[in-house]
N, C-alpha and C. Protein backbone atom coordinates (compact mmCIF):
# COMPACT_ATOMS: atom_id res chain seq x y z
N LEU A 1 65.50 84.69 50.23
CA LEU A 1 64.39 83.79 50.03
C LEU A 1 64.54 82.45 50.85
N GLY A 2 65.60 82.25 51.41
CA GLY A 2 65.92 81.09 52.11
C GLY A 2 65.21 80.98 53.50
N SER A 3 64.75 82.15 53.98
CA SER A 3 64.03 82.08 55.27
C SER A 3 62.52 82.06 55.11
N ILE A 4 62.10 81.95 53.95
CA ILE A 4 60.61 82.02 53.67
C ILE A 4 60.12 80.56 53.42
N PRO A 5 59.24 80.03 54.23
CA PRO A 5 58.79 78.66 54.05
C PRO A 5 57.74 78.57 52.93
N VAL A 6 57.84 77.48 52.21
CA VAL A 6 56.74 77.17 51.25
C VAL A 6 56.27 75.74 51.56
N PHE A 7 55.05 75.46 51.20
CA PHE A 7 54.48 74.18 51.54
C PHE A 7 53.96 73.57 50.25
N TYR A 8 54.04 72.21 50.17
CA TYR A 8 53.50 71.54 48.98
C TYR A 8 53.12 70.16 49.37
N LEU A 9 52.36 69.52 48.56
CA LEU A 9 51.97 68.15 48.82
C LEU A 9 52.86 67.17 48.24
N LEU A 10 52.99 66.08 48.86
CA LEU A 10 53.72 64.88 48.34
C LEU A 10 52.72 63.75 48.19
N ASP A 11 52.75 63.06 47.08
CA ASP A 11 51.86 61.92 46.89
C ASP A 11 52.54 60.75 47.41
N ASP A 12 51.83 59.57 47.35
CA ASP A 12 52.41 58.33 47.92
C ASP A 12 53.66 57.77 47.20
N LYS A 13 53.99 58.37 46.12
CA LYS A 13 55.22 58.03 45.36
C LYS A 13 56.39 59.05 45.71
N GLY A 14 56.07 60.03 46.54
CA GLY A 14 57.12 61.00 46.88
C GLY A 14 57.20 62.17 45.80
N ASP A 15 56.26 62.25 44.93
CA ASP A 15 56.32 63.28 43.91
C ASP A 15 55.58 64.55 44.49
N MET A 16 56.16 65.78 44.22
CA MET A 16 55.52 66.94 44.76
C MET A 16 54.44 67.45 43.81
N SER A 17 53.47 68.17 44.38
CA SER A 17 52.38 68.76 43.67
C SER A 17 52.90 69.87 42.82
N LEU A 18 52.12 70.22 41.82
CA LEU A 18 52.45 71.36 40.97
C LEU A 18 52.17 72.70 41.65
N ASN A 19 51.36 72.60 42.67
CA ASN A 19 51.00 73.87 43.43
C ASN A 19 51.93 73.97 44.67
N ILE A 20 52.56 75.12 44.80
CA ILE A 20 53.47 75.36 45.92
C ILE A 20 52.78 76.54 46.70
N TYR A 21 52.45 76.26 47.95
CA TYR A 21 51.66 77.18 48.75
C TYR A 21 52.59 78.07 49.64
N MET A 22 52.19 79.30 49.75
CA MET A 22 52.90 80.20 50.67
C MET A 22 52.31 80.06 52.06
N SER A 23 51.17 79.40 52.24
CA SER A 23 50.46 79.24 53.53
C SER A 23 50.29 77.79 53.84
N TYR A 24 50.79 77.40 55.05
CA TYR A 24 50.52 76.01 55.48
C TYR A 24 49.01 75.67 55.53
N ALA A 25 48.21 76.57 56.01
CA ALA A 25 46.78 76.34 56.19
C ALA A 25 46.16 75.98 54.76
N ASP A 26 46.59 76.71 53.78
CA ASP A 26 46.04 76.49 52.39
C ASP A 26 46.54 75.11 51.85
N ALA A 27 47.80 74.77 52.10
CA ALA A 27 48.32 73.55 51.74
C ALA A 27 47.62 72.33 52.46
N LYS A 28 47.34 72.56 53.74
CA LYS A 28 46.65 71.54 54.55
C LYS A 28 45.24 71.31 54.01
N GLU A 29 44.57 72.42 53.61
CA GLU A 29 43.22 72.33 53.06
C GLU A 29 43.33 71.56 51.74
N ALA A 30 44.31 71.81 50.92
CA ALA A 30 44.44 71.09 49.66
C ALA A 30 44.65 69.55 49.84
N SER A 31 45.47 69.31 50.88
CA SER A 31 45.82 67.98 51.22
C SER A 31 44.58 67.18 51.66
N ALA A 32 43.67 67.89 52.29
CA ALA A 32 42.43 67.22 52.83
C ALA A 32 41.56 66.74 51.64
N SER A 33 41.72 67.38 50.55
CA SER A 33 40.91 66.96 49.40
C SER A 33 41.72 66.14 48.35
N THR A 34 42.93 65.74 48.74
CA THR A 34 43.84 64.92 47.90
C THR A 34 44.22 63.67 48.69
N PRO A 35 43.48 62.62 48.51
CA PRO A 35 43.71 61.40 49.25
C PRO A 35 45.17 60.93 49.10
N GLY A 36 45.78 60.45 50.17
CA GLY A 36 47.11 59.92 50.21
C GLY A 36 48.20 60.94 50.18
N SER A 37 47.86 62.20 50.12
CA SER A 37 48.91 63.26 50.12
C SER A 37 49.31 63.69 51.54
N VAL A 38 50.54 64.20 51.74
CA VAL A 38 51.01 64.75 52.91
C VAL A 38 51.59 66.19 52.62
N VAL A 39 51.51 67.08 53.54
CA VAL A 39 52.06 68.44 53.35
C VAL A 39 53.49 68.35 53.87
N THR A 40 54.41 68.92 53.11
CA THR A 40 55.80 69.04 53.54
C THR A 40 56.28 70.49 53.20
N VAL A 41 57.47 70.83 53.69
CA VAL A 41 57.97 72.14 53.71
C VAL A 41 59.33 72.22 53.08
N SER A 42 59.65 73.39 52.47
CA SER A 42 60.98 73.70 52.01
C SER A 42 60.98 75.19 52.12
N SER A 43 61.99 75.81 51.39
CA SER A 43 62.12 77.34 51.44
C SER A 43 61.97 77.81 50.02
N LEU A 44 61.50 79.08 49.98
CA LEU A 44 61.25 79.69 48.66
C LEU A 44 62.47 79.64 47.79
N ASP A 45 63.64 79.79 48.27
CA ASP A 45 64.79 79.83 47.34
C ASP A 45 64.96 78.48 46.68
N GLN A 46 64.48 77.41 47.34
CA GLN A 46 64.64 76.00 46.67
C GLN A 46 63.70 75.81 45.51
N VAL A 47 62.63 76.57 45.39
CA VAL A 47 61.65 76.35 44.40
C VAL A 47 61.46 77.55 43.43
N GLU A 48 61.76 78.78 43.83
CA GLU A 48 61.54 79.94 42.98
C GLU A 48 62.21 79.97 41.67
N TYR A 49 63.54 79.99 41.76
CA TYR A 49 64.30 80.02 40.54
C TYR A 49 64.32 78.67 39.72
N PRO A 50 64.51 77.55 40.37
CA PRO A 50 64.54 76.31 39.52
C PRO A 50 63.15 75.90 38.99
N LEU A 51 62.12 75.94 39.80
CA LEU A 51 60.80 75.42 39.30
C LEU A 51 59.83 76.46 38.90
N ILE A 52 59.72 77.59 39.54
CA ILE A 52 58.71 78.67 39.09
C ILE A 52 59.25 79.44 37.94
N LEU A 53 60.39 79.99 38.11
CA LEU A 53 60.97 80.87 37.02
C LEU A 53 61.76 80.05 36.01
N ARG A 54 62.09 78.82 36.35
CA ARG A 54 62.81 77.93 35.41
C ARG A 54 64.17 78.56 34.94
N ARG A 55 64.88 79.07 35.92
CA ARG A 55 66.17 79.65 35.57
C ARG A 55 67.32 78.92 36.10
N GLY A 56 67.08 77.73 36.66
CA GLY A 56 68.18 76.85 37.09
C GLY A 56 68.43 77.15 38.62
N ARG A 57 69.34 76.42 39.12
CA ARG A 57 69.66 76.50 40.55
C ARG A 57 70.71 77.53 40.81
N MET A 58 70.41 78.39 41.82
CA MET A 58 71.40 79.45 42.15
C MET A 58 72.23 78.83 43.29
N ARG A 59 73.15 79.67 43.80
CA ARG A 59 73.97 79.21 44.93
C ARG A 59 73.14 79.03 46.15
N MET A 60 72.93 77.80 46.50
CA MET A 60 72.10 77.44 47.66
C MET A 60 72.37 76.05 48.08
N ALA A 61 71.82 75.67 49.22
CA ALA A 61 71.95 74.29 49.65
C ALA A 61 71.33 73.25 48.72
N PRO A 62 71.83 72.06 48.77
CA PRO A 62 71.20 71.07 47.86
C PRO A 62 69.75 70.96 48.21
N PRO A 63 68.90 70.72 47.16
CA PRO A 63 67.45 70.68 47.34
C PRO A 63 66.91 69.40 48.04
N PRO A 64 65.75 69.48 48.61
CA PRO A 64 65.15 68.28 49.11
C PRO A 64 65.00 67.26 47.94
N ILE A 65 64.89 65.96 48.23
CA ILE A 65 64.81 64.93 47.21
C ILE A 65 63.67 65.21 46.23
N GLU A 66 62.52 65.55 46.78
CA GLU A 66 61.35 65.76 45.89
C GLU A 66 61.53 66.93 44.94
N VAL A 67 62.27 67.97 45.43
CA VAL A 67 62.51 69.18 44.54
C VAL A 67 63.53 68.78 43.46
N ALA A 68 64.54 68.06 43.78
CA ALA A 68 65.49 67.58 42.83
C ALA A 68 64.82 66.74 41.75
N LYS A 69 63.94 65.88 42.18
CA LYS A 69 63.16 64.98 41.27
C LYS A 69 62.25 65.89 40.31
N ALA A 70 61.65 66.90 40.93
CA ALA A 70 60.83 67.82 40.13
C ALA A 70 61.64 68.62 39.13
N GLU A 71 62.86 69.04 39.53
CA GLU A 71 63.74 69.68 38.58
C GLU A 71 64.12 68.83 37.39
N ALA A 72 64.36 67.49 37.69
CA ALA A 72 64.74 66.61 36.63
C ALA A 72 63.63 66.35 35.66
N THR A 73 62.43 66.56 36.06
CA THR A 73 61.25 66.26 35.16
C THR A 73 60.58 67.52 34.67
N LEU A 74 61.22 68.64 34.73
CA LEU A 74 60.64 69.99 34.34
C LEU A 74 60.20 69.98 32.92
N ASN A 75 60.90 69.29 32.03
CA ASN A 75 60.58 69.36 30.63
C ASN A 75 59.49 68.43 30.22
N GLU A 76 58.97 67.63 31.15
CA GLU A 76 57.86 66.73 30.78
C GLU A 76 56.59 67.59 30.50
N GLU A 77 55.77 67.09 29.60
CA GLU A 77 54.58 67.89 29.26
C GLU A 77 53.71 68.03 30.47
N GLY A 78 53.17 69.23 30.66
CA GLY A 78 52.26 69.53 31.80
C GLY A 78 52.96 69.82 33.09
N ARG A 79 54.23 69.85 33.17
CA ARG A 79 54.96 70.08 34.42
C ARG A 79 55.19 71.55 34.62
N ILE A 80 54.17 72.27 35.02
CA ILE A 80 54.27 73.71 35.30
C ILE A 80 53.90 73.96 36.77
N TYR A 81 54.86 74.47 37.48
CA TYR A 81 54.69 74.68 38.89
C TYR A 81 54.07 76.06 39.11
N HIS A 82 53.22 76.14 40.17
CA HIS A 82 52.55 77.43 40.45
C HIS A 82 52.79 77.81 41.92
N LEU A 83 53.17 79.04 42.12
CA LEU A 83 53.29 79.57 43.46
C LEU A 83 51.92 80.18 43.86
N ILE A 84 51.37 79.70 44.92
CA ILE A 84 50.02 80.04 45.39
C ILE A 84 50.10 80.96 46.61
N PRO A 85 49.70 82.24 46.45
CA PRO A 85 49.74 83.17 47.64
C PRO A 85 48.65 82.69 48.68
N SER A 86 48.84 83.12 49.93
CA SER A 86 47.79 82.78 50.91
C SER A 86 46.54 83.44 50.56
N LYS A 87 45.43 82.86 51.05
CA LYS A 87 44.10 83.51 50.78
C LYS A 87 44.07 84.92 51.33
N GLN A 88 44.68 85.13 52.50
CA GLN A 88 44.74 86.51 53.04
C GLN A 88 45.51 87.43 52.21
N ALA A 89 46.63 87.02 51.69
CA ALA A 89 47.49 87.86 50.82
C ALA A 89 46.70 88.24 49.57
N LEU A 90 45.89 87.29 49.04
CA LEU A 90 45.06 87.64 47.87
C LEU A 90 44.03 88.72 48.15
N LYS A 91 43.45 88.59 49.38
CA LYS A 91 42.49 89.65 49.78
C LYS A 91 43.18 90.97 49.94
N ASP A 92 44.37 90.91 50.61
CA ASP A 92 45.16 92.19 50.80
C ASP A 92 45.51 92.89 49.40
N ALA A 93 45.95 92.00 48.55
CA ALA A 93 46.33 92.51 47.19
C ALA A 93 45.15 93.21 46.53
N GLN A 94 43.98 92.51 46.66
CA GLN A 94 42.73 93.10 46.05
C GLN A 94 42.42 94.49 46.71
N GLU A 95 42.59 94.51 48.04
CA GLU A 95 42.27 95.80 48.76
C GLU A 95 43.15 96.96 48.24
N PHE A 96 44.38 96.65 47.84
CA PHE A 96 45.26 97.65 47.43
C PHE A 96 45.36 97.79 45.89
N GLY A 97 44.54 96.95 45.21
CA GLY A 97 44.52 97.12 43.77
C GLY A 97 45.78 96.57 43.12
N ILE A 98 46.35 95.62 43.71
CA ILE A 98 47.64 94.99 43.15
C ILE A 98 47.25 93.88 42.17
N ASP A 99 47.73 94.02 40.97
CA ASP A 99 47.58 92.94 40.01
C ASP A 99 48.76 91.98 40.13
N LEU A 100 48.45 90.88 40.69
CA LEU A 100 49.58 89.90 40.98
C LEU A 100 50.06 89.11 39.74
N GLY A 101 49.18 88.72 38.94
CA GLY A 101 49.55 87.87 37.82
C GLY A 101 49.85 86.49 38.43
N GLU A 102 50.41 85.62 37.61
CA GLU A 102 50.78 84.26 38.06
C GLU A 102 52.11 84.28 38.93
N ASN A 103 52.14 83.32 39.83
CA ASN A 103 53.42 83.01 40.54
C ASN A 103 53.94 84.27 41.25
N ASN A 104 53.07 84.97 41.96
CA ASN A 104 53.55 86.22 42.56
C ASN A 104 52.68 86.41 43.85
N PHE A 105 53.26 87.14 44.76
CA PHE A 105 52.46 87.50 45.96
C PHE A 105 52.77 88.87 46.39
N PRO A 106 51.86 89.51 47.10
CA PRO A 106 52.16 90.90 47.55
C PRO A 106 53.12 90.97 48.69
N LEU A 107 53.76 92.15 48.77
CA LEU A 107 54.64 92.46 49.96
C LEU A 107 54.25 93.77 50.39
N PHE A 108 54.24 94.03 51.68
CA PHE A 108 53.75 95.29 52.26
C PHE A 108 54.91 95.93 53.15
N LEU A 109 55.21 97.16 52.80
CA LEU A 109 56.10 97.94 53.63
C LEU A 109 55.29 99.11 54.15
N ALA A 110 55.82 99.72 55.18
CA ALA A 110 55.16 100.97 55.73
C ALA A 110 56.16 101.99 56.01
N ASP A 111 55.83 103.23 55.70
CA ASP A 111 56.73 104.37 56.01
C ASP A 111 57.09 104.33 57.54
N ARG A 112 58.35 104.64 57.81
CA ARG A 112 58.77 104.71 59.23
C ARG A 112 58.89 103.40 59.95
N LEU A 113 58.70 102.34 59.34
CA LEU A 113 58.74 101.02 60.01
C LEU A 113 60.04 100.36 59.60
N ALA A 114 60.93 100.26 60.56
CA ALA A 114 62.23 99.56 60.33
C ALA A 114 62.64 98.88 61.59
N PHE A 115 63.46 97.86 61.45
CA PHE A 115 63.99 97.09 62.60
C PHE A 115 65.47 97.28 62.68
N ALA A 116 66.02 97.08 63.87
CA ALA A 116 67.45 97.01 64.02
C ALA A 116 68.01 95.76 63.38
N ALA A 117 68.99 95.87 62.56
CA ALA A 117 69.61 94.72 61.91
C ALA A 117 70.66 94.08 62.81
N PRO A 118 70.80 92.77 62.72
CA PRO A 118 71.92 92.16 63.46
C PRO A 118 73.22 92.70 62.97
N GLY A 119 74.08 93.11 63.90
CA GLY A 119 75.33 93.67 63.51
C GLY A 119 75.26 95.16 63.21
N GLY A 120 74.18 95.79 63.56
CA GLY A 120 74.01 97.24 63.28
C GLY A 120 73.27 97.52 62.06
N GLY A 121 73.00 98.75 61.87
CA GLY A 121 72.15 99.18 60.70
C GLY A 121 70.63 98.99 60.87
N ILE A 122 69.92 99.04 59.76
CA ILE A 122 68.49 98.82 59.83
C ILE A 122 68.05 97.81 58.79
N GLN A 123 66.88 97.17 59.06
CA GLN A 123 66.22 96.26 58.10
C GLN A 123 64.87 96.96 57.81
N LEU A 124 64.55 96.96 56.51
CA LEU A 124 63.25 97.46 56.08
C LEU A 124 62.37 96.18 55.86
N PRO A 125 61.40 95.94 56.71
CA PRO A 125 60.64 94.76 56.58
C PRO A 125 59.59 94.85 55.50
N MET A 126 59.49 93.75 54.71
CA MET A 126 58.46 93.51 53.72
C MET A 126 57.67 92.41 54.18
N PHE A 127 56.41 92.63 54.63
CA PHE A 127 55.57 91.60 55.12
C PHE A 127 54.69 91.00 53.98
N MET A 128 54.42 89.72 54.17
CA MET A 128 53.60 89.01 53.17
C MET A 128 52.09 89.23 53.35
N GLU A 129 51.72 89.75 54.52
CA GLU A 129 50.29 90.03 54.72
C GLU A 129 50.21 91.40 55.42
N LYS A 130 49.15 92.11 55.09
CA LYS A 130 48.94 93.50 55.60
C LYS A 130 48.86 93.52 57.14
N ASN A 131 48.23 92.60 57.75
CA ASN A 131 47.96 92.55 59.18
C ASN A 131 49.30 92.58 59.93
N ASP A 132 50.30 91.91 59.41
CA ASP A 132 51.61 91.95 60.09
C ASP A 132 52.27 93.31 60.12
N VAL A 133 52.00 94.12 59.05
CA VAL A 133 52.47 95.51 59.02
C VAL A 133 51.79 96.27 60.10
N VAL A 134 50.43 96.09 60.26
CA VAL A 134 49.69 96.90 61.18
C VAL A 134 50.09 96.51 62.58
N THR A 135 50.28 95.29 62.95
CA THR A 135 50.75 94.80 64.22
C THR A 135 52.08 95.38 64.59
N SER A 136 53.08 95.33 63.65
CA SER A 136 54.40 95.83 63.90
C SER A 136 54.40 97.35 64.06
N TYR A 137 53.55 98.02 63.27
CA TYR A 137 53.56 99.38 63.37
C TYR A 137 52.83 99.88 64.67
N GLU A 138 51.87 99.12 65.17
CA GLU A 138 51.23 99.46 66.45
C GLU A 138 52.22 99.35 67.60
N ARG A 139 53.08 98.29 67.50
CA ARG A 139 54.14 98.15 68.53
C ARG A 139 55.09 99.26 68.56
N LEU A 140 55.47 99.72 67.35
CA LEU A 140 56.42 100.82 67.15
C LEU A 140 55.72 102.07 67.74
N ARG A 141 54.46 102.24 67.45
CA ARG A 141 53.75 103.50 67.85
C ARG A 141 53.67 103.57 69.38
N GLU A 142 53.67 102.45 70.10
CA GLU A 142 53.58 102.39 71.53
C GLU A 142 54.80 103.10 72.11
N THR A 143 55.91 103.10 71.41
CA THR A 143 57.11 103.75 71.91
C THR A 143 57.35 105.07 71.27
N ASN A 144 56.58 105.39 70.32
CA ASN A 144 56.70 106.74 69.62
C ASN A 144 55.34 107.32 69.24
N LYS A 145 54.75 108.02 70.16
CA LYS A 145 53.40 108.51 69.90
C LYS A 145 53.33 109.58 68.90
N ASN A 146 54.46 110.09 68.43
CA ASN A 146 54.52 111.12 67.34
C ASN A 146 54.21 110.60 65.96
N LEU A 147 54.19 109.31 65.85
CA LEU A 147 53.95 108.71 64.52
C LEU A 147 52.47 108.80 64.20
N PRO A 148 52.17 108.88 62.92
CA PRO A 148 50.71 108.89 62.49
C PRO A 148 50.00 107.64 63.13
N GLU A 149 48.69 107.82 63.30
CA GLU A 149 47.96 106.70 63.96
C GLU A 149 47.96 105.42 63.14
N THR A 150 47.83 105.59 61.90
CA THR A 150 47.83 104.37 61.00
C THR A 150 49.09 104.43 60.01
N PRO A 151 49.57 103.26 59.69
CA PRO A 151 50.76 103.22 58.81
C PRO A 151 50.36 103.70 57.37
N ILE A 152 51.38 104.25 56.75
CA ILE A 152 51.32 104.65 55.28
C ILE A 152 51.96 103.39 54.54
N PHE A 153 51.09 102.63 53.86
CA PHE A 153 51.56 101.43 53.17
C PHE A 153 52.24 101.73 51.88
N ARG A 154 53.20 100.92 51.63
CA ARG A 154 53.98 100.93 50.29
C ARG A 154 53.94 99.45 49.79
N PRO A 155 52.84 99.11 49.09
CA PRO A 155 52.79 97.73 48.63
C PRO A 155 53.64 97.50 47.40
N THR A 156 54.13 96.30 47.28
CA THR A 156 54.85 95.85 46.08
C THR A 156 54.63 94.41 45.92
N THR A 157 55.36 93.72 45.08
CA THR A 157 55.17 92.27 44.88
C THR A 157 56.54 91.61 44.88
N LEU A 158 56.50 90.32 45.06
CA LEU A 158 57.75 89.50 45.07
C LEU A 158 58.48 89.69 43.70
N ASN A 159 57.75 89.53 42.63
CA ASN A 159 58.36 89.58 41.32
C ASN A 159 58.87 91.00 41.04
N ASP A 160 58.20 92.06 41.40
CA ASP A 160 58.77 93.41 41.22
C ASP A 160 60.04 93.56 41.97
N GLU A 161 60.11 93.03 43.21
CA GLU A 161 61.37 93.12 43.96
C GLU A 161 62.45 92.28 43.35
N LEU A 162 62.16 91.08 43.02
CA LEU A 162 63.19 90.14 42.38
C LEU A 162 63.80 90.83 41.10
N PHE A 163 62.83 91.28 40.20
CA PHE A 163 63.34 91.84 38.97
C PHE A 163 64.18 93.10 39.18
N SER A 164 63.77 93.99 40.16
CA SER A 164 64.54 95.18 40.33
C SER A 164 65.87 94.87 41.00
N MET A 165 65.93 93.77 41.86
CA MET A 165 67.19 93.35 42.49
C MET A 165 68.07 92.82 41.34
N GLU A 166 67.58 92.06 40.41
CA GLU A 166 68.37 91.46 39.34
C GLU A 166 68.96 92.61 38.40
N LYS A 167 68.15 93.67 38.17
CA LYS A 167 68.61 94.70 37.37
C LYS A 167 69.51 95.68 38.03
N GLY A 168 69.54 95.60 39.40
CA GLY A 168 70.35 96.48 40.17
C GLY A 168 69.75 97.86 40.34
N THR A 169 68.45 97.96 40.16
CA THR A 169 67.78 99.22 40.28
C THR A 169 67.06 99.44 41.63
N ARG A 170 67.24 98.44 42.56
CA ARG A 170 66.54 98.52 43.82
C ARG A 170 67.52 99.18 44.86
N TYR A 171 67.19 100.38 45.27
CA TYR A 171 67.96 101.14 46.28
C TYR A 171 67.83 100.43 47.60
N GLY A 172 68.91 100.29 48.40
CA GLY A 172 68.81 99.75 49.72
C GLY A 172 68.60 98.23 49.79
N LEU A 173 68.96 97.54 48.72
CA LEU A 173 68.72 96.09 48.64
C LEU A 173 69.14 95.35 49.86
N SER A 174 70.29 95.67 50.40
CA SER A 174 70.78 94.89 51.55
C SER A 174 69.94 95.10 52.84
N GLN A 175 69.13 96.18 52.83
CA GLN A 175 68.32 96.46 53.97
C GLN A 175 66.98 95.82 53.93
N LEU A 176 66.53 95.26 52.80
CA LEU A 176 65.22 94.67 52.67
C LEU A 176 65.19 93.23 53.22
N THR A 177 64.17 92.90 53.98
CA THR A 177 63.96 91.58 54.51
C THR A 177 62.54 91.20 54.35
N ILE A 178 62.28 90.05 53.81
CA ILE A 178 60.90 89.59 53.65
C ILE A 178 60.49 88.77 54.88
N TYR A 179 59.38 89.13 55.55
CA TYR A 179 58.94 88.44 56.70
C TYR A 179 57.63 87.65 56.40
N PRO A 180 57.69 86.30 56.43
CA PRO A 180 56.51 85.50 56.33
C PRO A 180 55.67 85.60 57.60
N THR A 181 54.48 85.03 57.53
CA THR A 181 53.67 85.10 58.73
C THR A 181 54.23 84.27 59.83
N ALA A 182 54.01 84.65 61.05
CA ALA A 182 54.54 83.90 62.28
C ALA A 182 53.99 82.52 62.29
N ASP A 183 52.64 82.35 61.95
CA ASP A 183 52.07 81.04 61.89
C ASP A 183 52.78 80.11 60.94
N ASP A 184 53.07 80.54 59.76
CA ASP A 184 53.74 79.71 58.77
C ASP A 184 55.23 79.39 59.20
N VAL A 185 55.94 80.33 59.79
CA VAL A 185 57.20 80.11 60.27
C VAL A 185 57.25 79.05 61.33
N ASN A 186 56.36 79.22 62.30
CA ASN A 186 56.21 78.22 63.42
C ASN A 186 55.91 76.89 62.97
N GLN A 187 54.99 76.84 61.95
CA GLN A 187 54.58 75.53 61.47
C GLN A 187 55.72 74.84 60.67
N ALA A 188 56.49 75.63 59.92
CA ALA A 188 57.69 75.10 59.24
C ALA A 188 58.73 74.61 60.20
N VAL A 189 59.00 75.36 61.27
CA VAL A 189 59.99 74.84 62.27
C VAL A 189 59.52 73.59 62.92
N GLN A 190 58.16 73.52 63.23
CA GLN A 190 57.67 72.25 63.79
C GLN A 190 57.78 71.05 62.87
N MET A 191 57.55 71.32 61.58
CA MET A 191 57.64 70.23 60.65
C MET A 191 59.04 69.78 60.40
N ILE A 192 59.97 70.75 60.40
CA ILE A 192 61.41 70.43 60.18
C ILE A 192 62.00 69.71 61.40
N THR A 193 61.69 70.26 62.55
CA THR A 193 62.26 69.68 63.81
C THR A 193 61.57 68.52 64.39
N GLY A 194 60.26 68.37 63.96
CA GLY A 194 59.46 67.35 64.57
C GLY A 194 58.94 67.61 65.94
N LYS A 195 59.04 68.91 66.30
CA LYS A 195 58.59 69.28 67.69
C LYS A 195 57.39 70.19 67.63
């Protein structure tokens, strides 16, 4: 979860919004209608367990100041944080009949779609939006014309994957990798590096 960017608003006091967006574009849109706010970035691991699931901090880097402040005020009345999927992810989930519930987003896998892992082996990519599966599958198909013309999708959700990982029922856990959209990764890098 550490490689997945999340975006949220900071008010003029440095307090983070209760909505945590999976999409920079959606956070920017929310900021435009919230005077005095700015969009900032962190990673999903910094907010998922401590703020969304309220299970405390796992082994990870120290949180950004605003996340630490949010953790310290979790028990205040009305302090419920929400993970907001991208608008496109919501459309994709609807297309596949995925019931997301609160604080969840869809993940899309495809049969026969795998990447070479650093150090050998394979990675099974789980994409946050359907179009990224299609794009990757089309690239794979350029080198292997024997593949079906369209990918066979295997949709799941973040929470389904997290809970199966925690229970130890997820086969091939070490091979799974969640891929956020390129636009969101590029925007996060730009915000973090200032370039």
